[in-house]
C-alpha atoms as a PDB file:
ATOM      1  CA  MET A   1    -199.126  -8.380 -23.632  1.00  0.00           C
ATOM      2  CA  ALA A   2    -199.825  -6.626 -20.351  1.00  0.00           C
ATOM      3  CA  GLY A   3    -196.492  -5.626 -18.828  1.00  0.00           C
ATOM      4  CA  TYR A   4    -193.090  -4.820 -20.300  1.00  0.00           C
ATOM      5  CA  GLY A   5    -190.725  -6.145 -17.609  1.00  0.00           C
ATOM      6  CA  MET A   6    -188.520  -9.240 -17.830  1.00  0.00           C
ATOM      7  CA  MET A   7    -191.386 -11.670 -18.365  1.00  0.00           C
ATOM      8  CA  GLY A   8    -192.925  -9.412 -20.996  1.00  0.00           C
ATOM      9  CA  VAL A   9    -189.569  -9.579 -22.789  1.00  0.00           C
ATOM     10  CA  TRP A  10    -189.246 -13.354 -22.453  1.00  0.00           C
ATOM     11  CA  HIS A  11    -192.801 -14.044 -23.590  1.00  0.00           C
ATOM     12  CA  SER A  12    -192.461 -11.638 -26.525  1.00  0.00           C
ATOM     13  CA  GLN A  13    -189.258 -13.333 -27.645  1.00  0.00           C
ATOM     14  CA  ALA A  14    -190.932 -16.745 -27.397  1.00  0.00           C
ATOM     15  CA  LEU A  15    -193.940 -15.497 -29.369  1.00  0.00           C
ATOM     16  CA  ALA A  16    -191.646 -14.373 -32.169  1.00  0.00           C
ATOM     17  CA  GLY A  17    -191.123 -18.034 -33.006  1.00  0.00           C
ATOM     18  CA  SER A  18    -194.851 -18.813 -33.172  1.00  0.00           C
ATOM     19  CA  ASP A  19    -197.711 -18.047 -35.535  1.00  0.00           C
ATOM     20  CA  ALA A  20    -199.338 -15.694 -33.024  1.00  0.00           C
ATOM     21  CA  VAL A  21    -199.852 -12.077 -34.063  1.00  0.00           C
ATOM     22  CA  LEU A  22    -198.240  -9.627 -31.628  1.00  0.00           C
ATOM     23  CA  HIS A  23    -201.111  -7.162 -31.483  1.00  0.00           C
ATOM     24  CA  THR A  24    -201.081  -4.813 -28.472  1.00  0.00           C
ATOM     25  CA  VAL A  25    -198.831  -3.946 -25.532  1.00  0.00           C
ATOM     26  CA  VAL A  26    -200.405  -2.592 -22.351  1.00  0.00           C
ATOM     27  CA  GLY A  27    -198.091  -0.644 -20.048  1.00  0.00           C
ATOM     28  CA  ARG A  28    -198.228   1.786 -17.157  1.00  0.00           C
ATOM     29  CA  ARG A  29    -196.088   4.408 -18.897  1.00  0.00           C
ATOM     30  CA  ALA A  30    -196.867   5.480 -22.466  1.00  0.00           C
ATOM     31  CA  GLU A  31    -193.255   6.032 -23.524  1.00  0.00           C
ATOM     32  CA  MET A  32    -192.133   2.631 -22.231  1.00  0.00           C
ATOM     33  CA  ALA A  33    -195.123   0.856 -23.834  1.00  0.00           C
ATOM     34  CA  GLN A  34    -194.490   2.565 -27.166  1.00  0.00           C
ATOM     35  CA  ASP A  35    -190.798   1.656 -27.109  1.00  0.00           C
ATOM     36  CA  PHE A  36    -191.571  -1.938 -26.167  1.00  0.00           C
ATOM     37  CA  ALA A  37    -194.132  -2.279 -28.967  1.00  0.00           C
ATOM     38  CA  ALA A  38    -191.625  -0.988 -31.516  1.00  0.00           C
ATOM     39  CA  ARG A  39    -188.832  -3.232 -30.227  1.00  0.00           C
ATOM     40  CA  PHE A  40    -190.831  -6.466 -30.429  1.00  0.00           C
ATOM     41  CA  GLY A  41    -193.116  -5.723 -33.360  1.00  0.00           C
ATOM     42  CA  TYR A  42    -196.485  -5.202 -31.694  1.00  0.00           C
ATOM     43  CA  ARG A  43    -199.017  -3.409 -33.851  1.00  0.00           C
ATOM     44  CA  ARG A  44    -200.321  -1.134 -31.103  1.00  0.00           C
ATOM     45  CA  TRP A  45    -199.717   0.041 -27.564  1.00  0.00           C
ATOM     46  CA  THR A  46    -201.953   1.483 -24.853  1.00  0.00           C
ATOM     47  CA  THR A  47    -201.931   2.343 -21.168  1.00  0.00           C
ATOM     48  CA  SER A  48    -205.453   0.932 -20.711  1.00  0.00           C
ATOM     49  CA  LEU A  49    -206.069  -2.780 -20.205  1.00  0.00           C
ATOM     50  CA  ASP A  50    -209.800  -2.145 -20.559  1.00  0.00           C
ATOM     51  CA  ALA A  51    -209.230  -0.647 -24.013  1.00  0.00           C
ATOM     52  CA  ALA A  52    -207.250  -3.706 -25.093  1.00  0.00           C
ATOM     53  CA  LEU A  53    -209.905  -6.062 -23.728  1.00  0.00           C
ATOM     54  CA  ALA A  54    -212.566  -4.234 -25.759  1.00  0.00           C
ATOM     55  CA  ASP A  55    -210.708  -4.989 -29.007  1.00  0.00           C
ATOM     56  CA  PRO A  56    -212.397  -7.960 -30.769  1.00  0.00           C
ATOM     57  CA  ASP A  57    -209.191  -8.728 -32.700  1.00  0.00           C
ATOM     58  CA  ILE A  58    -207.434  -9.805 -29.490  1.00  0.00           C
ATOM     59  CA  ASP A  59    -207.904 -13.468 -28.619  1.00  0.00           C
ATOM     60  CA  ILE A  60    -205.264 -14.018 -25.918  1.00  0.00           C
ATOM     61  CA  VAL A  61    -203.944 -11.878 -23.080  1.00  0.00           C
ATOM     62  CA  ILE A  62    -200.665 -12.567 -21.290  1.00  0.00           C
ATOM     63  CA  LEU A  63    -200.530 -10.963 -17.851  1.00  0.00           C
ATOM     64  CA  ALA A  64    -196.907 -10.105 -17.069  1.00  0.00           C
ATOM     65  CA  THR A  65    -197.933  -7.452 -14.567  1.00  0.00           C
ATOM     66  CA  PRO A  66    -197.194  -6.964 -10.827  1.00  0.00           C
ATOM     67  CA  SER A  67    -198.267  -9.932  -8.706  1.00  0.00           C
ATOM     68  CA  GLU A  68    -200.899  -8.065  -6.689  1.00  0.00           C
ATOM     69  CA  GLN A  69    -202.744  -7.132  -9.916  1.00  0.00           C
ATOM     70  CA  HIS A  70    -203.074 -10.679 -11.252  1.00  0.00           C
ATOM     71  CA  GLU A  71    -206.363 -11.628  -9.625  1.00  0.00           C
ATOM     72  CA  ALA A  72    -208.403  -8.619 -10.714  1.00  0.00           C
ATOM     73  CA  GLN A  73    -206.818  -8.484 -14.162  1.00  0.00           C
ATOM     74  CA  ALA A  74    -207.269 -12.204 -14.799  1.00  0.00           C
ATOM     75  CA  ILE A  75    -210.948 -12.016 -13.901  1.00  0.00           C
ATOM     76  CA  ALA A  76    -211.375  -8.975 -16.145  1.00  0.00           C
ATOM     77  CA  CYS A  77    -209.689 -10.762 -19.052  1.00  0.00           C
ATOM     78  CA  LEU A  78    -211.787 -13.898 -18.655  1.00  0.00           C
ATOM     79  CA  GLU A  79    -215.003 -11.919 -18.299  1.00  0.00           C
ATOM     80  CA  ALA A  80    -214.067 -10.098 -21.517  1.00  0.00           C
ATOM     81  CA  GLY A  81    -213.915 -13.449 -23.302  1.00  0.00           C
ATOM     82  CA  LYS A  82    -210.135 -13.660 -23.689  1.00  0.00           C
ATOM     83  CA  HIS A  83    -207.955 -16.738 -23.252  1.00  0.00           C
ATOM     84  CA  THR A  84    -205.513 -15.742 -20.515  1.00  0.00           C
ATOM     85  CA  LEU A  85    -202.003 -16.761 -19.469  1.00  0.00           C
ATOM     86  CA  ILE A  86    -201.282 -15.471 -15.963  1.00  0.00           C
ATOM     87  CA  GLU A  87    -197.789 -14.968 -14.632  1.00  0.00           C
ATOM     88  CA  ILE A  88    -197.117 -16.573 -11.261  1.00  0.00           C
ATOM     89  CA  PRO A  89    -198.949 -16.224  -8.856  1.00  0.00           C
ATOM     90  CA  ILE A  90    -202.609 -16.589  -9.785  1.00  0.00           C
ATOM     91  CA  ALA A  91    -203.523 -14.351  -6.822  1.00  0.00           C
ATOM     92  CA  MET A  92    -202.171 -13.166  -3.479  1.00  0.00           C
ATOM     93  CA  THR A  93    -204.652 -15.197  -1.392  1.00  0.00           C
ATOM     94  CA  LEU A  94    -206.242 -18.629  -1.607  1.00  0.00           C
ATOM     95  CA  ASP A  95    -209.688 -17.022  -1.791  1.00  0.00           C
ATOM     96  CA  GLY A  96    -208.438 -14.881  -4.673  1.00  0.00           C
ATOM     97  CA  ALA A  97    -207.185 -17.982  -6.474  1.00  0.00           C
ATOM     98  CA  HIS A  98    -210.612 -19.575  -6.099  1.00  0.00           C
ATOM     99  CA  ARG A  99    -212.213 -16.439  -7.528  1.00  0.00           C
ATOM    100  CA  VAL A 100    -210.008 -16.651 -10.633  1.00  0.00           C
ATOM    101  CA  VAL A 101    -210.765 -20.363 -11.022  1.00  0.00           C
ATOM    102  CA  ALA A 102    -214.499 -19.641 -10.743  1.00  0.00           C
ATOM    103  CA  ALA A 103    -214.221 -16.864 -13.339  1.00  0.00           C
ATOM    104  CA  GLY A 104    -212.376 -19.236 -15.647  1.00  0.00           C
ATOM    105  CA  ALA A 105    -215.085 -21.864 -15.309  1.00  0.00           C
ATOM    106  CA  ARG A 106    -217.797 -19.313 -16.043  1.00  0.00           C
ATOM    107  CA  SER A 107    -215.990 -17.930 -19.071  1.00  0.00           C
ATOM    108  CA  GLY A 108    -215.371 -21.215 -20.845  1.00  0.00           C
ATOM    109  CA  LYS A 109    -212.017 -19.796 -21.975  1.00  0.00           C
ATOM    110  CA  ILE A 110    -208.615 -21.437 -21.724  1.00  0.00           C
ATOM    111  CA  TYR A 111    -206.488 -19.964 -18.961  1.00  0.00           C
ATOM    112  CA  GLY A 112    -203.267 -21.084 -17.367  1.00  0.00           C
ATOM    113  CA  LEU A 113    -200.402 -20.157 -15.082  1.00  0.00           C
ATOM    114  CA  CYS A 114    -196.751 -19.536 -15.826  1.00  0.00           C
ATOM    115  CA  HIS A 115    -195.224 -22.167 -13.500  1.00  0.00           C
ATOM    116  CA  PRO A 116    -192.092 -23.061 -15.480  1.00  0.00           C
ATOM    117  CA  MET A 117    -190.615 -25.469 -12.921  1.00  0.00           C
ATOM    118  CA  ARG A 118    -193.273 -28.001 -13.976  1.00  0.00           C
ATOM    119  CA  PHE A 119    -192.172 -27.876 -17.601  1.00  0.00           C
ATOM    120  CA  ARG A 120    -188.618 -29.188 -17.524  1.00  0.00           C
ATOM    121  CA  PRO A 121    -188.590 -32.497 -19.459  1.00  0.00           C
ATOM    122  CA  GLU A 122    -186.678 -34.307 -16.712  1.00  0.00           C
ATOM    123  CA  ARG A 123    -189.462 -33.392 -14.263  1.00  0.00           C
ATOM    124  CA  ALA A 124    -192.055 -34.967 -16.557  1.00  0.00           C
ATOM    125  CA  ALA A 125    -190.003 -38.157 -16.699  1.00  0.00           C
ATOM    126  CA  LEU A 126    -189.696 -38.245 -12.894  1.00  0.00           C
ATOM    127  CA  LEU A 127    -193.421 -37.643 -12.457  1.00  0.00           C
ATOM    128  CA  ALA A 128    -194.192 -40.484 -14.854  1.00  0.00           C
ATOM    129  CA  ARG A 129    -192.006 -42.830 -12.800  1.00  0.00           C
ATOM    130  CA  THR A 130    -193.473 -41.783  -9.464  1.00  0.00           C
ATOM    131  CA  ARG A 131    -197.052 -42.008 -10.721  1.00  0.00           C
ATOM    132  CA  GLY A 132    -196.265 -45.402 -12.203  1.00  0.00           C
ATOM    133  CA  GLY A 133    -194.937 -46.707  -8.885  1.00  0.00           C
ATOM    134  CA  GLY A 134    -191.351 -47.132 -10.063  1.00  0.00           C
ATOM    135  CA  GLU A 135    -189.907 -44.414  -7.838  1.00  0.00           C
ATOM    136  CA  ARG A 136    -190.997 -42.679  -4.631  1.00  0.00           C
ATOM    137  CA  ILE A 137    -190.195 -39.116  -3.618  1.00  0.00           C
ATOM    138  CA  ARG A 138    -188.966 -38.780  -0.040  1.00  0.00           C
ATOM    139  CA  HIS A 139    -187.933 -35.115   0.198  1.00  0.00           C
ATOM    140  CA  ILE A 140    -187.935 -31.942  -1.911  1.00  0.00           C
ATOM    141  CA  ALA A 141    -185.869 -28.891  -0.960  1.00  0.00           C
ATOM    142  CA  GLY A 142    -185.728 -25.492  -2.644  1.00  0.00           C
ATOM    143  CA  ARG A 143    -183.518 -22.459  -2.066  1.00  0.00           C
ATOM    144  CA  PHE A 144    -184.012 -18.917  -3.312  1.00  0.00           C
ATOM    145  CA  PHE A 145    -181.553 -16.257  -2.173  1.00  0.00           C
ATOM    146  CA  ILE A 146    -181.159 -12.855  -3.813  1.00  0.00           C
ATOM    147  CA  ASN A 147    -180.302  -9.289  -2.834  1.00  0.00           C
ATOM    148  CA  ARG A 148    -183.419  -7.166  -3.235  1.00  0.00           C
ATOM    149  CA  LEU A 149    -182.909  -4.197  -0.913  1.00  0.00           C
ATOM    150  CA  THR A 150    -183.658  -1.844  -3.808  1.00  0.00           C
ATOM    151  CA  ASN A 151    -186.770  -2.053  -5.946  1.00  0.00           C
ATOM    152  CA  VAL A 152    -185.066  -2.864  -9.248  1.00  0.00           C
ATOM    153  CA  GLY A 153    -186.115  -5.853 -11.366  1.00  0.00           C
ATOM    154  CA  ALA A 154    -184.024  -8.264 -13.419  1.00  0.00           C
ATOM    155  CA  THR A 155    -184.010  -5.940 -16.441  1.00  0.00           C
ATOM    156  CA  GLY A 156    -182.561  -3.078 -14.384  1.00  0.00           C
ATOM    157  CA  TYR A 157    -185.867  -1.170 -14.531  1.00  0.00           C
ATOM    158  CA  GLN A 158    -186.957   0.765 -11.433  1.00  0.00           C
ATOM    159  CA  ARG A 159    -190.197  -0.916 -10.447  1.00  0.00           C
ATOM    160  CA  SER A 160    -193.393   0.754  -9.328  1.00  0.00           C
ATOM    161  CA  TRP A 161    -194.199  -2.275  -7.174  1.00  0.00           C
ATOM    162  CA  THR A 162    -192.605  -4.416  -4.470  1.00  0.00           C
ATOM    163  CA  ASP A 163    -191.965  -8.137  -4.855  1.00  0.00           C
ATOM    164  CA  ASN A 164    -193.182 -10.713  -2.315  1.00  0.00           C
ATOM    165  CA  ILE A 165    -190.933 -13.593  -1.271  1.00  0.00           C
ATOM    166  CA  LEU A 166    -193.807 -15.860  -0.191  1.00  0.00           C
ATOM    167  CA  TRP A 167    -196.455 -15.306  -2.847  1.00  0.00           C
ATOM    168  CA  HIS A 168    -194.071 -14.925  -5.789  1.00  0.00           C
ATOM    169  CA  HIS A 169    -190.753 -16.708  -5.442  1.00  0.00           C
ATOM    170  CA  PHE A 170    -191.820 -19.384  -2.965  1.00  0.00           C
ATOM    171  CA  CYS A 171    -194.888 -20.080  -5.101  1.00  0.00           C
ATOM    172  CA  HIS A 172    -192.547 -21.552  -7.733  1.00  0.00           C
ATOM    173  CA  PHE A 173    -191.011 -24.066  -5.327  1.00  0.00           C
ATOM    174  CA  VAL A 174    -194.137 -24.902  -3.343  1.00  0.00           C
ATOM    175  CA  ASP A 175    -196.071 -25.528  -6.547  1.00  0.00           C
ATOM    176  CA  LEU A 176    -193.316 -27.789  -7.880  1.00  0.00           C
ATOM    177  CA  GLY A 177    -193.391 -29.765  -4.648  1.00  0.00           C
ATOM    178  CA  MET A 178    -197.165 -30.128  -4.498  1.00  0.00           C
ATOM    179  CA  TYR A 179    -197.246 -31.004  -8.209  1.00  0.00           C
ATOM    180  CA  LEU A 180    -194.638 -33.760  -7.811  1.00  0.00           C
ATOM    181  CA  LEU A 181    -196.203 -35.051  -4.598  1.00  0.00           C
ATOM    182  CA  ASP A 182    -199.305 -35.479  -6.764  1.00  0.00           C
ATOM    183  CA  GLY A 183    -202.184 -34.942  -4.376  1.00  0.00           C
ATOM    184  CA  ALA A 184    -200.561 -36.327  -1.247  1.00  0.00           C
ATOM    185  CA  LYS A 185    -202.565 -35.294   1.813  1.00  0.00           C
ATOM    186  CA  VAL A 186    -200.844 -32.602   3.868  1.00  0.00           C
ATOM    187  CA  ARG A 187    -200.373 -33.412   7.550  1.00  0.00           C
ATOM    188  CA  ARG A 188    -199.133 -29.978   8.611  1.00  0.00           C
ATOM    189  CA  VAL A 189    -197.428 -26.807   7.427  1.00  0.00           C
ATOM    190  CA  GLN A 190    -194.764 -25.100   9.535  1.00  0.00           C
ATOM    191  CA  SER A 191    -193.263 -21.761   8.604  1.00  0.00           C
ATOM    192  CA  HIS A 192    -191.351 -18.614   9.401  1.00  0.00           C
ATOM    193  CA  LEU A 193    -192.085 -15.391   7.538  1.00  0.00           C
ATOM    194  CA  GLY A 194    -190.090 -12.440   8.784  1.00  0.00           C
ATOM    195  CA  ALA A 195    -191.263  -9.113  10.147  1.00  0.00           C
ATOM    196  CA  LEU A 196    -191.625  -6.162   7.786  1.00  0.00           C
ATOM    197  CA  HIS A 197    -188.273  -4.749   6.719  1.00  0.00           C
ATOM    198  CA  GLU A 198    -187.693  -1.109   7.673  1.00  0.00           C
ATOM    199  CA  VAL A 199    -186.692  -0.119   4.122  1.00  0.00           C
ATOM    200  CA  THR A 200    -188.681  -2.372   1.788  1.00  0.00           C
ATOM    201  CA  GLY A 201    -191.819  -2.721   3.917  1.00  0.00           C
ATOM    202  CA  THR A 202    -192.074  -6.445   3.175  1.00  0.00           C
ATOM    203  CA  PRO A 203    -190.821  -9.666   4.819  1.00  0.00           C
ATOM    204  CA  MET A 204    -187.333 -10.504   3.590  1.00  0.00           C
ATOM    205  CA  GLU A 205    -186.851 -14.068   4.882  1.00  0.00           C
ATOM    206  CA  CYS A 206    -189.076 -17.119   4.700  1.00  0.00           C
ATOM    207  CA  SER A 207    -188.975 -20.832   5.477  1.00  0.00           C
ATOM    208  CA  VAL A 208    -191.768 -23.305   4.724  1.00  0.00           C
ATOM    209  CA  LEU A 209    -191.943 -26.972   5.728  1.00  0.00           C
ATOM    210  CA  VAL A 210    -194.742 -29.202   4.436  1.00  0.00           C
ATOM    211  CA  GLU A 211    -195.250 -32.724   5.791  1.00  0.00           C
ATOM    212  CA  THR A 212    -197.550 -35.230   4.084  1.00  0.00           C
ATOM    213  CA  GLU A 213    -199.453 -38.103   5.638  1.00  0.00           C
ATOM    214  CA  ALA A 214    -197.100 -40.389   3.683  1.00  0.00           C
ATOM    215  CA  ASP A 215    -194.073 -38.913   5.544  1.00  0.00           C
ATOM    216  CA  GLN A 216    -192.809 -36.991   2.535  1.00  0.00           C
ATOM    217  CA  THR A 217    -191.437 -33.501   3.120  1.00  0.00           C
ATOM    218  CA  LEU A 218    -191.094 -30.259   1.186  1.00  0.00           C
ATOM    219  CA  LEU A 219    -188.749 -27.572   2.512  1.00  0.00           C
ATOM    220  CA  VAL A 220    -188.293 -24.137   0.937  1.00  0.00           C
ATOM    221  CA  HIS A 221    -186.155 -21.381   2.421  1.00  0.00           C
ATOM    222  CA  GLY A 222    -184.660 -18.130   1.214  1.00  0.00           C
ATOM    223  CA  SER A 223    -183.907 -14.463   1.734  1.00  0.00           C
ATOM    224  CA  TYR A 224    -184.043 -11.165  -0.134  1.00  0.00           C
ATOM    225  CA  CYS A 225    -180.995  -9.983   1.871  1.00  0.00           C
ATOM    226  CA  ALA A 226    -178.417 -12.459   0.543  1.00  0.00           C
ATOM    227  CA  GLY A 227    -174.998 -11.279  -0.587  1.00  0.00           C
ATOM    228  CA  PHE A 228    -175.116 -13.580  -3.621  1.00  0.00           C
ATOM    229  CA  ARG A 229    -177.729 -15.569  -5.526  1.00  0.00           C
ATOM    230  CA  LEU A 230    -178.806 -19.168  -4.957  1.00  0.00           C
ATOM    231  CA  TYR A 231    -181.639 -20.688  -6.990  1.00  0.00           C
ATOM    232  CA  ASP A 232    -181.810 -24.470  -6.892  1.00  0.00           C
ATOM    233  CA  ASP A 233    -183.922 -27.437  -5.888  1.00  0.00           C
ATOM    234  CA  LEU A 234    -183.103 -30.957  -4.717  1.00  0.00           C
ATOM    235  CA  ILE A 235    -185.429 -33.928  -5.110  1.00  0.00           C
ATOM    236  CA  VAL A 236    -184.520 -37.032  -3.095  1.00  0.00           C
ATOM    237  CA  THR A 237    -186.188 -40.324  -4.007  1.00  0.00           C
ATOM    238  CA  ASP A 238    -185.709 -43.961  -3.079  1.00  0.00           C
ATOM    239  CA  ARG A 239    -183.718 -44.392  -6.318  1.00  0.00           C
ATOM    240  CA  ASP A 240    -181.633 -41.253  -6.802  1.00  0.00           C
ATOM    241  CA  SER A 241    -181.210 -37.548  -6.018  1.00  0.00           C
ATOM    242  CA  TYR A 242    -181.794 -34.731  -8.516  1.00  0.00           C
ATOM    243  CA  LEU A 243    -180.185 -31.328  -7.919  1.00  0.00           C
ATOM    244  CA  THR A 244    -181.277 -28.654 -10.405  1.00  0.00           C
ATOM    245  CA  ASP A 245    -179.231 -25.455 -10.377  1.00  0.00           C
ATOM    246  CA  THR A 246    -181.313 -22.898 -12.262  1.00  0.00           C
ATOM    247  CA  LEU A 247    -178.497 -20.337 -12.374  1.00  0.00           C
ATOM    248  CA  ALA A 248    -175.879 -22.756 -13.715  1.00  0.00           C
ATOM    249  CA  ASN A 249    -178.385 -24.666 -15.911  1.00  0.00           C
ATOM    250  CA  THR A 250    -177.227 -28.045 -14.628  1.00  0.00           C
ATOM    251  CA  LEU A 251    -178.766 -31.234 -13.262  1.00  0.00           C
ATOM    252  CA  ARG A 252    -176.693 -33.346 -10.876  1.00  0.00           C
ATOM    253  CA  THR A 253    -177.552 -36.963 -10.105  1.00  0.00           C
ATOM    254  CA  THR A 254    -175.501 -39.905  -8.853  1.00  0.00           C
ATOM    255  CA  ALA A 255    -174.489 -40.461 -12.479  1.00  0.00           C
ATOM    256  CA  GLY A 256    -172.847 -37.014 -12.692  1.00  0.00           C
ATOM    257  CA  THR A 257    -173.740 -33.502 -13.815  1.00  0.00           C
ATOM    258  CA  ALA A 258    -175.493 -32.760 -17.102  1.00  0.00           C
ATOM    259  CA  PRO A 259    -176.423 -29.461 -18.799  1.00  0.00           C
ATOM    260  CA  LEU A 260    -180.002 -28.203 -18.842  1.00  0.00           C
ATOM    261  CA  GLU A 261    -181.674 -25.717 -21.134  1.00  0.00           C
ATOM    262  CA  ALA A 262    -181.578 -22.143 -19.854  1.00  0.00           C
ATOM    263  CA  GLU A 263    -184.385 -20.781 -17.712  1.00  0.00           C
ATOM    264  CA  GLN A 264    -185.695 -18.567 -20.516  1.00  0.00           C
ATOM    265  CA  ALA A 265    -185.910 -21.498 -22.946  1.00  0.00           C
ATOM    266  CA  ASN A 266    -187.691 -23.556 -20.309  1.00  0.00           C
ATOM    267  CA  CYS A 267    -190.114 -20.695 -19.679  1.00  0.00           C
ATOM    268  CA  ALA A 268    -190.925 -20.643 -23.405  1.00  0.00           C
ATOM    269  CA  ARG A 269    -192.299 -24.167 -22.962  1.00  0.00           C
ATOM    270  CA  VAL A 270    -195.064 -22.699 -20.798  1.00  0.00           C
ATOM    271  CA  LEU A 271    -196.101 -20.299 -23.536  1.00  0.00           C
ATOM    272  CA  HIS A 272    -196.041 -22.853 -26.335  1.00  0.00           C
ATOM    273  CA  ASP A 273    -198.020 -25.343 -24.221  1.00  0.00           C
ATOM    274  CA  PHE A 274    -200.583 -22.603 -23.617  1.00  0.00           C
ATOM    275  CA  LEU A 275    -200.893 -21.718 -27.305  1.00  0.00           C
ATOM    276  CA  ASP A 276    -201.355 -25.397 -28.112  1.00  0.00           C
ATOM    277  CA  ALA A 277    -203.980 -25.694 -25.366  1.00  0.00           C
ATOM    278  CA  VAL A 278    -205.934 -22.796 -26.892  1.00  0.00           C
ATOM    279  CA  ARG A 279    -205.786 -24.375 -30.347  1.00  0.00           C
ATOM    280  CA  ALA A 280    -206.787 -27.812 -29.029  1.00  0.00           C
ATOM    281  CA  GLY A 281    -209.355 -26.595 -26.508  1.00  0.00           C
ATOM    282  CA  ARG A 282    -207.664 -28.454 -23.653  1.00  0.00           C
ATOM    283  CA  PRO A 283    -206.460 -27.390 -20.191  1.00  0.00           C
ATOM    284  CA  PRO A 284    -202.793 -26.327 -20.121  1.00  0.00           C
ATOM    285  CA  LEU A 285    -200.288 -28.219 -17.997  1.00  0.00           C
ATOM    286  CA  ALA A 286    -200.452 -25.512 -15.304  1.00  0.00           C
ATOM    287  CA  SER A 287    -204.220 -25.043 -15.083  1.00  0.00           C
ATOM    288  CA  GLY A 288    -205.988 -22.913 -12.488  1.00  0.00           C
ATOM    289  CA  PRO A 289    -207.376 -25.784 -10.377  1.00  0.00           C
ATOM    290  CA  SER A 290    -204.008 -27.561 -10.405  1.00  0.00           C
ATOM    291  CA  VAL A 291    -202.242 -24.711  -8.559  1.00  0.00           C
ATOM    292  CA  LEU A 292    -204.730 -24.576  -5.672  1.00  0.00           C
ATOM    293  CA  PRO A 293    -202.816 -27.062  -3.445  1.00  0.00           C
ATOM    294  CA  ALA A 294    -199.771 -24.778  -3.536  1.00  0.00           C
ATOM    295  CA  MET A 295    -201.921 -21.734  -2.868  1.00  0.00           C
ATOM    296  CA  ALA A 296    -203.403 -23.472   0.181  1.00  0.00           C
ATOM    297  CA  VAL A 297    -199.890 -23.952   1.603  1.00  0.00           C
ATOM    298  CA  LEU A 298    -198.990 -20.301   0.997  1.00  0.00           C
ATOM    299  CA  GLN A 299    -202.228 -19.208   2.650  1.00  0.00           C
ATOM    300  CA  ALA A 300    -201.400 -21.285   5.738  1.00  0.00           C
ATOM    301  CA  VAL A 301    -198.060 -19.442   5.982  1.00  0.00           C
ATOM    302  CA  GLN A 302    -199.754 -16.071   5.505  1.00  0.00           C
ATOM    303  CA  ASP A 303    -202.396 -16.903   8.111  1.00  0.00           C
ATOM    304  CA  ASP A 304    -199.646 -17.675  10.618  1.00  0.00           C
ATOM    305  CA  TRP A 305    -197.949 -14.341   9.859  1.00  0.00           C
ATOM    306  CA  ASP A 306    -201.255 -12.483  10.149  1.00  0.00           C
ATOM    307  CA  ALA A 307    -201.883 -14.095  13.553  1.00  0.00           C
ATOM    308  CA  ARG A 308    -198.479 -12.923  14.812  1.00  0.00           C
ATOM    309  CA  TYR A 309    -198.220  -9.470  13.237  1.00  0.00           C
ATOM    310  CA  GLY A 310    -201.799  -8.569  12.422  1.00  0.00           C
ATOM    311  CA  ALA A 311    -203.520  -8.916   9.067  1.00  0.00           C
ATOM    312  CA  ARG A 312    -202.826  -5.801   6.997  1.00  0.00           C
ATOM    313  CA  GLY A 313    -202.056  -4.526   3.554  1.00  0.00           C
ATOM    314  CA  ILE A 314    -198.304  -4.392   2.930  1.00  0.00           C
ATOM    315  CA  ALA A 315    -196.020  -3.373   0.080  1.00  0.00           C
ATOM    316  CA  GLY A 316    -196.366  -5.867  -2.759  1.00  0.00           C
ATOM    317  CA  ARG A 317    -199.518  -7.484  -1.438  1.00  0.00           C
ATOM    318  CA  GLY A 318    -202.157  -4.807  -1.069  1.00  0.00           C
ATOM    319  CA  GLY A 319    -205.042  -4.990   1.374  1.00  0.00           C
END
């Protein structure tokens, strides 16, 4: 387990209900890594990913590290012969995503992405209907609003890294949309990604609109400056509308509102699918190649920002 933030906690808790051996924790700070290992029952801890990758007893690596480290770390894990589960996003550029996919193909190992929005059972049922021709998606909308003026994560831990609204949080929604639109050809991508904030050094607002050749649309918008949280998505089809509120754990349709499993329980589905994929030697539901359409959309947004503000390394994205 590389990383001891919120996703390191969630994945460790999910692993406790499996037959996997919790072997080693890799963390930036020795004291934090040691405490985390003791809390969740890992056999060892280290501050060196390379040292963990050199251990022949380790079969699987879960990368729950800062987003800008995913590409290089994923390639290192795959080249070391480890099956690898990568937290979202796979990389911070489309070219980087292709490099991870190429490394995965060369390695012959199972690797996948933590894209939990794909894994809700009701989404699988909708996808089956749309692929079978019984229902057609017209519009998908996602909202993500949070207050992130200080660099503190969900666990209350002071981070050493800065989050990125486009490549992290919007990746969830854009991937869900491209996954449900199931290979529909993109006509155009329109976007707004804000200027660098004077305190955080990163864009704080973003809007992305994707149009397909079949006149379907995907709209995602959000802000890191919101006074309260919003985290939901709406799927409009020719049969019904599906509003998922991730904070309230509810699904609203024309038939009424029903409870959903909590976000952490849904995220555990990603991990258990990955473990099963390793055992069975099959691609996981969120495979590397399958996330490339979403990464292409994010790259189009980034390219537009680079053209307006100048391509540069920024907080949370690197060079």
